[in-house]
Amino acid sequence: MELTEKSRKWFVATLLLGTFTMSISQSSLSTAYPTFMRYFNLPASTVAWLTTGFMLIMSVVMPLSPWLMDNFKFKPLYLTLLVNFVVGTLIVIFAPNFPIMMVGRLMEGFSVGVLFPSYQSIILEITPQNKRGSVMGTVGLVMGSARAVGPIISGVILQVMNWQAIFAFFLVVLSVVFILALKTVVSPLKLKSTNFDFISVFMSLGIIGLLYFINEISHMTSGSYLNWIILGVSMILLYLFVRRQLRMPEPLLRLDILKIGNFDLGVALTSLSYMSLITVTIIMPLYYQQALRMTPFWSGMALVPAAALLSWLNRRSGQLADRIGFKPVITIGFGLFIVGWGMLLILSGLKSVWVAIICSMIIEAGNAFAMMPATTLGANSLTNELIPHGSSIIATFRQILGSTAIVLATVILGNGNFNAVFATFLVMEIAAMGLAMMIKDTTAERVAEAR
């Protein structure tokens, strides 16, 4: 289906507004944990499942996205996901107890898990290849902003209202998105009927077990045999899942595309970039509070400059990639990562909040030049029919490695060994720079030919 420039912009804007709101729901609840603990009289470890459970269900449904897009028109699929999220939110608001609230959160996580790879696939497919960098830069701007403002929005709401008002905010915005979607969202892709492989879906449950194990590593003791059993079963399931996808004529997820040049690098580089980004958002508040003795409020505010710079740079880095090619832009990104982590390692002894803020800004600037350009680089190496599979693979890898980064940083940190964390991620991004140098940049060749 051909879209006019105006209708395409409205279509993309509606998708991004819905995704922005759902992203806020993922990142905003950490601020409200103490409130939930008092309200339900539960420990922090139990309340944390509001985020952990959300993340686990997201991860396991991401591989379903390509099948859903092949077999259902996008507009009714998008509207259904919005309705499912709204119903889940209503359950959360009126939940009489914590288990019922968890049901609502899992419904929200299901919608987000299907939508995240789907909306990126749609945006990539309806956007001309020579404009994908700037459009995906806008996507990065929206997602980065959501991560930054989520805790702020929930914190402000909790100052004047109860916790239910946080979810009421999601409800109102997504109701507006639903009305907009009725007018602006279309189904631009041709359907391709395929069988639903229940065996592959069952095997993909290994993702949940793997993520559960990763998140439990920091709490494990010598007697945590059950966790190791979960890991063993999960790895067997994932091995069987991968083998089945590579052998089936019509797999649930086209894992064979990982053999395509540039796509494999795109998956690796966007994941390594995300690992640094999510580590900064977790470790730096601890550094501000433990090493610099700042209050929780000011440690949160100290993250704002880096998040603002990330949002501002995202679209500009995409536009630059469209002009000069993805390889130089991604190389700049990982160069900034190396500088940022290196400065933190060398200058942390100064105990200066301004040095820490500047280093965080450099690292998040690196993410602006690396993550979405690497995602777009990978997508550009695929045909349009493979893009849904590519988006799903990237989203799943990013989720798993993002969780791994948090656990890795937390375990290395121990009782305040921040320099070890900085050194670890410095080495990781130096290795990533080596991968970036292997990119074959067809965009740069096209630009050179045009000149």
Protein backbone atom coordinates (compact mmCIF):
# COMPACT_ATOMS: atom_id res chain seq x y z
CA MET A 1 0.00 0.00 0.00
CA GLU A 2 1.37 3.38 -1.03
CA LEU A 3 1.18 6.12 1.58
CA THR A 4 1.40 9.84 0.98
CA GLU A 5 4.08 11.71 2.94
CA LYS A 6 1.41 13.29 5.17
CA SER A 7 -0.40 10.01 5.90
CA ARG A 8 2.92 8.27 6.56
CA LYS A 9 3.90 10.92 9.11
CA TRP A 10 0.54 10.62 10.90
CA PHE A 11 0.84 6.84 10.85
CA VAL A 12 4.35 6.92 12.35
CA ALA A 13 3.36 9.58 14.91
CA THR A 14 0.44 7.47 16.16
CA LEU A 15 2.63 4.38 16.45
CA LEU A 16 5.30 6.30 18.35
CA LEU A 17 2.81 7.92 20.75
CA GLY A 18 1.41 4.50 21.66
CA THR A 19 4.86 2.98 22.00
CA PHE A 20 6.11 5.97 24.02
CA THR A 21 3.28 5.52 26.53
CA MET A 22 3.84 1.78 26.82
CA SER A 23 7.59 2.38 27.28
CA ILE A 24 6.84 4.74 30.15
CA SER A 25 4.83 1.96 31.78
CA GLN A 26 7.93 -0.24 31.63
CA SER A 27 10.33 2.26 33.20
CA SER A 28 8.14 4.24 35.61
CA LEU A 29 7.25 1.78 38.35
CA SER A 30 10.62 1.67 40.12
CA THR A 31 9.83 5.07 41.65
CA ALA A 32 6.59 3.66 43.09
CA TYR A 33 8.03 0.48 44.66
CA PRO A 34 7.97 1.85 48.24
CA THR A 35 4.32 2.86 47.75
CA PHE A 36 3.39 -0.62 46.48
CA MET A 37 5.27 -2.22 49.38
CA ARG A 38 3.22 -0.26 51.91
CA TYR A 39 -0.08 -0.67 50.06
CA PHE A 40 0.17 -4.48 49.67
CA ASN A 41 2.39 -5.06 52.74
CA LEU A 42 4.97 -6.93 50.66
CA PRO A 43 8.80 -6.96 50.50
CA ALA A 44 10.70 -5.24 47.70
CA SER A 45 11.70 -8.57 46.13
CA THR A 46 8.03 -9.44 45.55
CA VAL A 47 7.02 -5.99 44.32
CA ALA A 48 9.93 -6.07 41.84
CA TRP A 49 8.02 -8.77 39.94
CA LEU A 50 5.82 -5.97 38.59
CA THR A 51 8.82 -5.14 36.40
CA THR A 52 10.46 -8.59 36.19
CA GLY A 53 7.25 -10.37 35.18
CA PHE A 54 6.51 -7.64 32.64
CA MET A 55 9.98 -8.12 31.14
CA LEU A 56 9.74 -11.93 31.04
CA ILE A 57 6.42 -12.02 29.20
CA MET A 58 7.73 -9.36 26.81
CA SER A 59 10.72 -11.50 25.95
CA VAL A 60 8.83 -14.71 25.27
CA VAL A 61 6.23 -13.12 22.96
CA MET A 62 8.71 -11.12 20.87
CA PRO A 63 9.48 -14.13 18.61
CA LEU A 64 5.72 -14.38 17.86
CA SER A 65 5.69 -10.95 16.23
CA PRO A 66 6.67 -12.07 12.67
CA TRP A 67 3.97 -14.78 12.62
CA LEU A 68 1.31 -12.32 13.82
CA MET A 69 2.30 -9.79 11.17
CA ASP A 70 2.21 -12.46 8.46
CA ASN A 71 -1.25 -13.68 9.43
CA PHE A 72 -3.13 -10.62 10.68
CA LYS A 73 -3.64 -7.18 9.19
CA PHE A 74 -1.60 -4.64 11.11
CA LYS A 75 -4.39 -2.19 11.93
CA PRO A 76 -6.65 -4.69 13.76
CA LEU A 77 -3.54 -6.21 15.38
CA TYR A 78 -2.41 -2.80 16.66
CA LEU A 79 -5.90 -1.92 17.92
CA THR A 80 -6.14 -5.31 19.67
CA LEU A 81 -2.81 -4.75 21.41
CA LEU A 82 -4.01 -1.33 22.58
CA VAL A 83 -7.26 -2.81 23.91
CA ASN A 84 -5.38 -5.63 25.65
CA PHE A 85 -3.05 -3.10 27.30
CA VAL A 86 -5.99 -0.93 28.39
CA VAL A 87 -7.85 -3.92 29.86
CA GLY A 88 -4.68 -4.96 31.69
CA THR A 89 -4.31 -1.41 33.01
CA LEU A 90 -7.91 -1.41 34.26
CA ILE A 91 -7.24 -4.69 36.07
CA VAL A 92 -4.17 -3.11 37.71
CA ILE A 93 -6.12 -0.03 38.82
CA PHE A 94 -8.96 -2.00 40.42
CA ALA A 95 -6.91 -4.99 41.61
CA PRO A 96 -7.96 -6.04 45.14
CA ASN A 97 -4.65 -7.83 45.73
CA PHE A 98 -1.15 -8.22 44.32
CA PRO A 99 -1.71 -11.46 42.30
CA ILE A 100 -4.60 -9.82 40.39
CA MET A 101 -2.41 -6.78 39.80
CA MET A 102 0.26 -9.09 38.35
CA VAL A 103 -2.29 -10.47 35.87
CA GLY A 104 -2.86 -6.92 34.60
CA ARG A 105 0.89 -6.28 34.34
CA LEU A 106 1.42 -9.50 32.36
CA MET A 107 -1.30 -8.42 29.94
CA GLU A 108 0.48 -5.09 29.52
CA GLY A 109 3.79 -6.91 28.98
CA PHE A 110 2.22 -9.10 26.29
CA SER A 111 1.10 -6.06 24.30
CA VAL A 112 4.50 -4.37 24.61
CA GLY A 113 6.36 -7.57 23.66
CA VAL A 114 4.41 -7.94 20.42
CA LEU A 115 4.35 -4.22 19.61
CA PHE A 116 8.03 -3.35 20.05
CA PRO A 117 9.37 -5.42 17.14
CA SER A 118 6.17 -4.95 15.11
CA TYR A 119 6.12 -1.17 15.05
CA GLN A 120 9.81 -0.97 14.11
CA SER A 121 9.19 -3.44 11.27
CA ILE A 122 6.27 -1.40 9.95
CA ILE A 123 8.15 1.89 10.16
CA LEU A 124 11.15 0.41 8.37
CA GLU A 125 9.01 -1.12 5.62
CA ILE A 126 6.98 2.03 4.85
CA THR A 127 10.08 4.28 4.88
CA PRO A 128 12.35 4.60 1.82
CA GLN A 129 15.78 3.13 2.58
CA ASN A 130 17.57 6.47 2.08
CA LYS A 131 15.40 8.03 4.84
CA ARG A 132 15.45 5.19 7.34
CA GLY A 133 18.35 6.60 9.36
CA SER A 134 16.55 9.83 10.28
CA VAL A 135 13.20 8.10 10.86
CA MET A 136 14.77 5.49 13.15
CA GLY A 137 16.60 8.35 14.84
CA THR A 138 13.17 9.76 15.71
CA VAL A 139 12.23 6.32 17.05
CA GLY A 140 15.36 6.39 19.23
CA LEU A 141 14.47 9.90 20.43
CA VAL A 142 11.01 8.75 21.49
CA MET A 143 12.27 5.61 23.22
CA GLY A 144 15.12 7.42 24.97
CA SER A 145 12.76 10.13 26.17
CA ALA A 146 10.34 7.54 27.52
CA ARG A 147 13.10 5.86 29.54
CA ALA A 148 14.12 9.23 30.98
CA VAL A 149 10.70 10.72 31.77
CA GLY A 150 9.00 7.54 33.03
CA PRO A 151 10.38 7.72 36.60
CA ILE A 152 9.89 11.51 36.60
CA ILE A 153 6.20 11.27 35.62
CA SER A 154 5.47 8.61 38.23
CA GLY A 155 7.36 10.61 40.87
CA VAL A 156 5.37 13.78 40.16
CA ILE A 157 2.04 11.91 40.14
CA LEU A 158 2.83 10.22 43.47
CA GLN A 159 3.50 13.62 45.04
CA VAL A 160 -0.14 14.67 44.58
CA MET A 161 -2.15 11.47 43.95
CA ASN A 162 -2.21 7.74 44.69
CA TRP A 163 -0.43 5.04 42.68
CA GLN A 164 -3.56 4.22 40.68
CA ALA A 165 -3.23 7.65 39.03
CA ILE A 166 -0.03 6.47 37.29
CA PHE A 167 -1.98 3.79 35.45
CA ALA A 168 -4.91 6.14 34.89
CA PHE A 169 -2.46 8.37 33.00
CA PHE A 170 -1.56 5.45 30.70
CA LEU A 171 -5.27 4.74 30.27
CA VAL A 172 -6.12 8.26 29.16
CA VAL A 173 -3.22 8.58 26.71
CA LEU A 174 -3.79 5.16 25.12
CA SER A 175 -7.50 5.89 24.74
CA VAL A 176 -6.50 8.94 22.69
CA VAL A 177 -4.03 6.77 20.72
CA PHE A 178 -6.82 4.27 19.99
CA ILE A 179 -9.04 7.03 18.56
CA LEU A 180 -6.15 8.36 16.47
CA ALA A 181 -5.30 4.86 15.28
CA LEU A 182 -8.81 4.37 13.90
CA LYS A 183 -8.09 7.23 11.49
CA THR A 184 -4.36 7.14 10.84
CA VAL A 185 -3.16 3.52 11.11
CA VAL A 186 -3.42 1.32 8.02
CA SER A 187 -2.38 -2.23 7.08
CA PRO A 188 0.43 -1.68 4.55
CA LEU A 189 1.70 -5.26 4.35
CA LYS A 190 0.44 -8.20 2.33
CA LEU A 191 -0.66 -11.18 4.42
CA LYS A 192 1.13 -14.50 4.11
CA SER A 193 -0.78 -17.31 5.77
CA THR A 194 1.48 -19.67 7.73
CA ASN A 195 0.87 -22.43 10.26
CA PHE A 196 1.24 -21.66 13.94
CA ASP A 197 3.98 -23.85 15.39
CA PHE A 198 2.99 -24.65 18.97
CA ILE A 199 6.12 -26.76 19.50
CA SER A 200 8.39 -23.79 18.68
CA VAL A 201 6.37 -21.56 21.01
CA PHE A 202 6.79 -24.11 23.82
CA MET A 203 10.53 -24.35 23.18
CA SER A 204 10.81 -20.54 23.20
CA LEU A 205 9.76 -20.62 26.87
CA GLY A 206 13.45 -21.27 27.47
CA ILE A 207 13.89 -17.50 27.08
CA ILE A 208 11.85 -16.98 30.26
CA GLY A 209 13.96 -19.52 32.16
CA LEU A 210 17.21 -17.98 30.92
CA LEU A 211 16.14 -14.46 31.89
CA TYR A 212 14.87 -15.68 35.26
CA PHE A 213 18.25 -17.31 35.96
CA ILE A 214 20.14 -14.18 34.87
CA ASN A 215 18.03 -12.01 37.18
CA GLU A 216 18.52 -14.41 40.11
CA ILE A 217 22.33 -14.68 39.83
CA SER A 218 23.03 -11.89 42.31
CA HIS A 219 20.71 -13.53 44.89
CA MET A 220 21.89 -17.11 44.52
CA THR A 221 23.57 -19.10 47.27
CA SER A 222 25.47 -22.39 47.26
CA GLY A 223 22.18 -24.24 47.77
CA SER A 224 20.33 -22.69 44.81
CA TYR A 225 20.05 -25.99 42.93
CA LEU A 226 16.61 -25.18 41.53
CA ASN A 227 17.99 -22.16 39.66
CA TRP A 228 20.65 -24.33 38.00
CA ILE A 229 18.01 -26.88 37.02
CA ILE A 230 15.95 -24.06 35.48
CA LEU A 231 19.03 -22.90 33.55
CA GLY A 232 19.75 -26.42 32.29
CA VAL A 233 16.18 -27.02 31.11
CA SER A 234 16.05 -23.55 29.54
CA MET A 235 19.28 -24.07 27.59
CA ILE A 236 18.02 -27.43 26.28
CA LEU A 237 14.75 -25.80 25.18
CA LEU A 238 16.59 -22.95 23.46
CA TYR A 239 18.94 -25.38 21.69
CA LEU A 240 15.93 -27.32 20.41
CA PHE A 241 14.22 -24.07 19.42
CA VAL A 242 17.21 -22.88 17.38
CA ARG A 243 17.66 -26.29 15.71
CA ARG A 244 13.96 -26.44 14.83
CA GLN A 245 13.94 -22.93 13.33
CA LEU A 246 16.96 -23.73 11.15
CA ARG A 247 15.40 -26.98 9.86
CA MET A 248 11.78 -25.96 9.24
CA PRO A 249 10.74 -24.73 5.76
CA GLU A 250 8.52 -22.04 7.39
CA PRO A 251 9.95 -21.39 10.86
CA LEU A 252 8.35 -19.25 13.52
CA LEU A 253 11.49 -17.10 13.50
CA ARG A 254 13.98 -16.94 10.61
CA LEU A 255 17.17 -17.40 12.61
CA ASP A 256 19.04 -18.24 9.41
CA ILE A 257 19.17 -14.51 8.61
CA LEU A 258 21.88 -14.20 11.27
CA LYS A 259 24.20 -15.50 8.55
CA ILE A 260 23.57 -12.38 6.44
CA GLY A 261 26.45 -9.90 6.43
CA ASN A 262 25.76 -6.63 8.29
CA PHE A 263 22.62 -8.05 9.91
CA ASP A 264 24.71 -10.18 12.27
CA LEU A 265 26.82 -7.12 13.05
CA GLY A 266 23.71 -4.98 13.48
CA VAL A 267 22.32 -7.40 16.10
CA ALA A 268 25.63 -7.53 18.00
CA LEU A 269 26.31 -3.78 17.90
CA THR A 270 22.83 -2.63 18.86
CA SER A 271 22.89 -5.09 21.79
CA LEU A 272 26.34 -3.98 22.96
CA SER A 273 25.23 -0.36 22.72
CA TYR A 274 22.09 -1.07 24.75
CA MET A 275 24.17 -2.85 27.39
CA SER A 276 26.14 0.34 28.03
CA LEU A 277 23.01 2.50 28.02
CA ILE A 278 21.09 0.41 30.52
CA THR A 279 24.17 0.02 32.74
CA VAL A 280 24.59 3.79 32.95
CA THR A 281 20.95 4.22 34.02
CA ILE A 282 21.39 1.61 36.78
CA ILE A 283 24.97 2.13 37.98
CA MET A 284 25.31 5.92 37.88
CA PRO A 285 22.53 6.64 40.41
CA LEU A 286 24.30 4.19 42.75
CA TYR A 287 27.63 5.96 42.07
CA TYR A 288 26.10 9.35 42.85
CA GLN A 289 24.55 8.08 46.09
CA GLN A 290 27.30 5.78 47.38
CA ALA A 291 30.50 7.40 46.10
CA LEU A 292 29.40 11.05 45.97
CA ARG A 293 26.90 10.94 48.89
CA MET A 294 24.07 12.57 46.93
CA THR A 295 20.39 12.16 47.81
CA PRO A 296 18.19 9.86 45.68
CA PHE A 297 16.40 12.93 44.23
CA TRP A 298 19.60 14.63 43.07
CA SER A 299 21.09 11.36 41.84
CA GLY A 300 18.05 11.03 39.60
CA MET A 301 18.28 14.63 38.44
CA ALA A 302 21.97 14.11 37.59
CA LEU A 303 20.86 11.66 34.87
CA VAL A 304 18.70 14.26 33.10
CA PRO A 305 21.49 16.02 31.11
CA ALA A 306 22.66 12.71 29.59
CA ALA A 307 19.10 11.62 28.75
CA ALA A 308 18.35 15.01 27.20
CA LEU A 309 21.51 14.85 25.07
CA LEU A 310 20.64 11.31 23.96
CA SER A 311 17.17 12.42 22.86
CA TRP A 312 18.52 15.49 21.04
CA LEU A 313 21.22 13.54 19.18
CA ASN A 314 19.15 10.52 18.10
CA ARG A 315 17.48 12.08 15.08
CA ARG A 316 20.62 14.00 14.09
CA SER A 317 22.74 10.87 14.12
CA GLY A 318 20.17 9.15 11.90
CA GLN A 319 20.21 12.03 9.44
CA LEU A 320 24.01 11.91 9.42
CA ALA A 321 23.94 8.17 8.70
CA ASP A 322 21.64 8.77 5.71
CA ARG A 323 24.16 11.31 4.36
CA ILE A 324 27.57 9.76 5.01
CA GLY A 325 26.82 6.11 5.71
CA PHE A 326 26.27 3.95 8.78
CA LYS A 327 29.80 2.70 9.37
CA PRO A 328 31.36 6.11 10.21
CA VAL A 329 28.39 7.07 12.41
CA ILE A 330 28.44 3.78 14.34
CA THR A 331 32.23 4.07 14.70
CA ILE A 332 31.77 7.53 16.21
CA GLY A 333 29.26 6.03 18.63
CA PHE A 334 31.57 3.32 19.93
CA GLY A 335 34.43 5.81 20.03
CA LEU A 336 32.31 7.93 22.39
CA PHE A 337 31.54 4.85 24.51
CA ILE A 338 35.27 4.17 24.86
CA VAL A 339 36.00 7.80 25.78
CA GLY A 340 33.14 7.94 28.31
CA TRP A 341 33.93 4.70 30.12
CA GLY A 342 37.66 5.46 29.96
CA MET A 343 37.17 8.89 31.54
CA LEU A 344 35.02 7.40 34.31
CA LEU A 345 37.74 4.85 35.03
CA ILE A 346 40.58 7.41 35.05
CA LEU A 347 38.80 10.36 36.70
CA SER A 348 36.50 8.64 39.21
CA GLY A 349 39.06 9.36 41.94
CA LEU A 350 38.25 13.07 41.63
CA LYS A 351 34.82 12.41 43.21
CA SER A 352 33.33 15.18 41.07
CA VAL A 353 29.64 15.13 40.18
CA TRP A 354 30.30 17.31 37.13
CA VAL A 355 32.91 14.91 35.79
CA ALA A 356 30.50 12.02 36.31
CA ILE A 357 27.67 13.89 34.52
CA ILE A 358 29.93 14.77 31.56
CA CYS A 359 31.10 11.14 31.28
CA SER A 360 27.50 9.92 31.39
CA MET A 361 26.61 12.40 28.66
CA ILE A 362 29.46 11.12 26.48
CA ILE A 363 28.34 7.50 26.96
CA GLU A 364 24.70 8.25 26.14
CA ALA A 365 25.80 10.35 23.16
CA GLY A 366 27.61 7.21 22.02
CA ASN A 367 24.33 5.33 22.24
CA ALA A 368 22.67 7.90 19.98
CA PHE A 369 25.31 7.28 17.31
CA ALA A 370 25.37 3.50 17.77
CA MET A 371 22.12 1.77 18.75
CA MET A 372 19.49 2.94 16.24
CA PRO A 373 22.00 3.31 13.36
CA ALA A 374 23.10 -0.30 14.04
CA THR A 375 19.45 -1.40 14.07
CA THR A 376 18.83 0.36 10.75
CA LEU A 377 22.05 -1.04 9.29
CA GLY A 378 20.82 -4.54 10.08
CA ALA A 379 17.37 -3.87 8.61
CA ASN A 380 18.85 -2.45 5.41
CA SER A 381 20.65 -5.74 4.80
CA LEU A 382 17.32 -7.62 4.71
CA THR A 383 14.51 -7.81 2.18
CA ASN A 384 11.20 -6.29 3.30
CA GLU A 385 9.65 -9.71 3.97
CA LEU A 386 12.49 -10.54 6.38
CA ILE A 387 12.37 -7.26 8.32
CA PRO A 388 9.73 -8.49 10.84
CA HIS A 389 11.97 -11.46 11.66
CA GLY A 390 15.00 -9.17 11.91
CA SER A 391 13.22 -6.72 14.24
CA SER A 392 12.07 -9.57 16.46
CA ILE A 393 15.57 -11.05 16.67
CA ILE A 394 17.12 -7.66 17.49
CA ALA A 395 14.51 -6.90 20.16
CA THR A 396 14.92 -10.33 21.80
CA PHE A 397 18.73 -10.20 21.83
CA ARG A 398 18.63 -6.65 23.18
CA GLN A 399 16.29 -7.70 26.00
CA ILE A 400 18.41 -10.70 27.01
CA LEU A 401 21.76 -8.88 26.84
CA GLY A 402 20.31 -5.80 28.57
CA SER A 403 19.29 -7.99 31.51
CA THR A 404 22.70 -9.65 31.43
CA ALA A 405 24.41 -6.24 31.57
CA ILE A 406 22.47 -5.25 34.68
CA VAL A 407 23.39 -8.47 36.48
CA LEU A 408 27.00 -8.32 35.29
CA ALA A 409 27.39 -4.74 36.51
CA THR A 410 25.68 -5.51 39.83
CA VAL A 411 27.81 -8.58 40.54
CA ILE A 412 31.06 -6.81 39.61
CA LEU A 413 30.06 -3.77 41.65
CA GLY A 414 29.76 -5.81 44.84
CA ASN A 415 30.26 -3.39 47.75
CA GLY A 416 31.17 -0.37 45.68
CA ASN A 417 33.85 -1.45 43.19
CA PHE A 418 32.75 1.06 40.56
CA ASN A 419 36.13 1.12 38.80
CA ALA A 420 35.80 -2.59 38.01
CA VAL A 421 32.42 -1.90 36.36
CA PHE A 422 33.87 1.00 34.35
CA ALA A 423 36.84 -1.13 33.24
CA THR A 424 34.60 -4.06 32.23
CA PHE A 425 32.39 -1.97 29.99
CA LEU A 426 35.39 -0.11 28.58
CA VAL A 427 36.88 -3.44 27.44
CA MET A 428 33.50 -4.56 26.08
CA GLU A 429 33.09 -1.43 23.94
CA ILE A 430 36.69 -1.66 22.68
CA ALA A 431 35.76 -5.13 21.42
CA ALA A 432 32.58 -3.67 19.92
CA MET A 433 34.69 -1.12 18.03
CA GLY A 434 36.47 -4.04 16.40
CA LEU A 435 33.10 -5.37 15.20
CA ALA A 436 32.10 -1.91 13.93
CA MET A 437 35.20 -1.82 11.75
CA MET A 438 33.95 -4.98 9.99
CA ILE A 439 30.82 -3.28 8.63
CA LYS A 440 30.48 -3.24 4.85
CA ASP A 441 28.75 0.12 4.39
CA THR A 442 26.70 0.09 1.19
CA THR A 443 25.19 3.44 2.17
CA ALA A 444 28.59 5.11 1.92
CA GLU A 445 29.09 3.54 -1.51
CA ARG A 446 25.69 4.83 -2.67
CA VAL A 447 26.49 8.35 -1.42
CA ALA A 448 29.87 8.27 -3.19
CA GLU A 449 28.24 7.16 -6.46
CA ALA A 450 25.66 9.95 -6.20
CA ARG A 451 28.47 12.48 -5.93
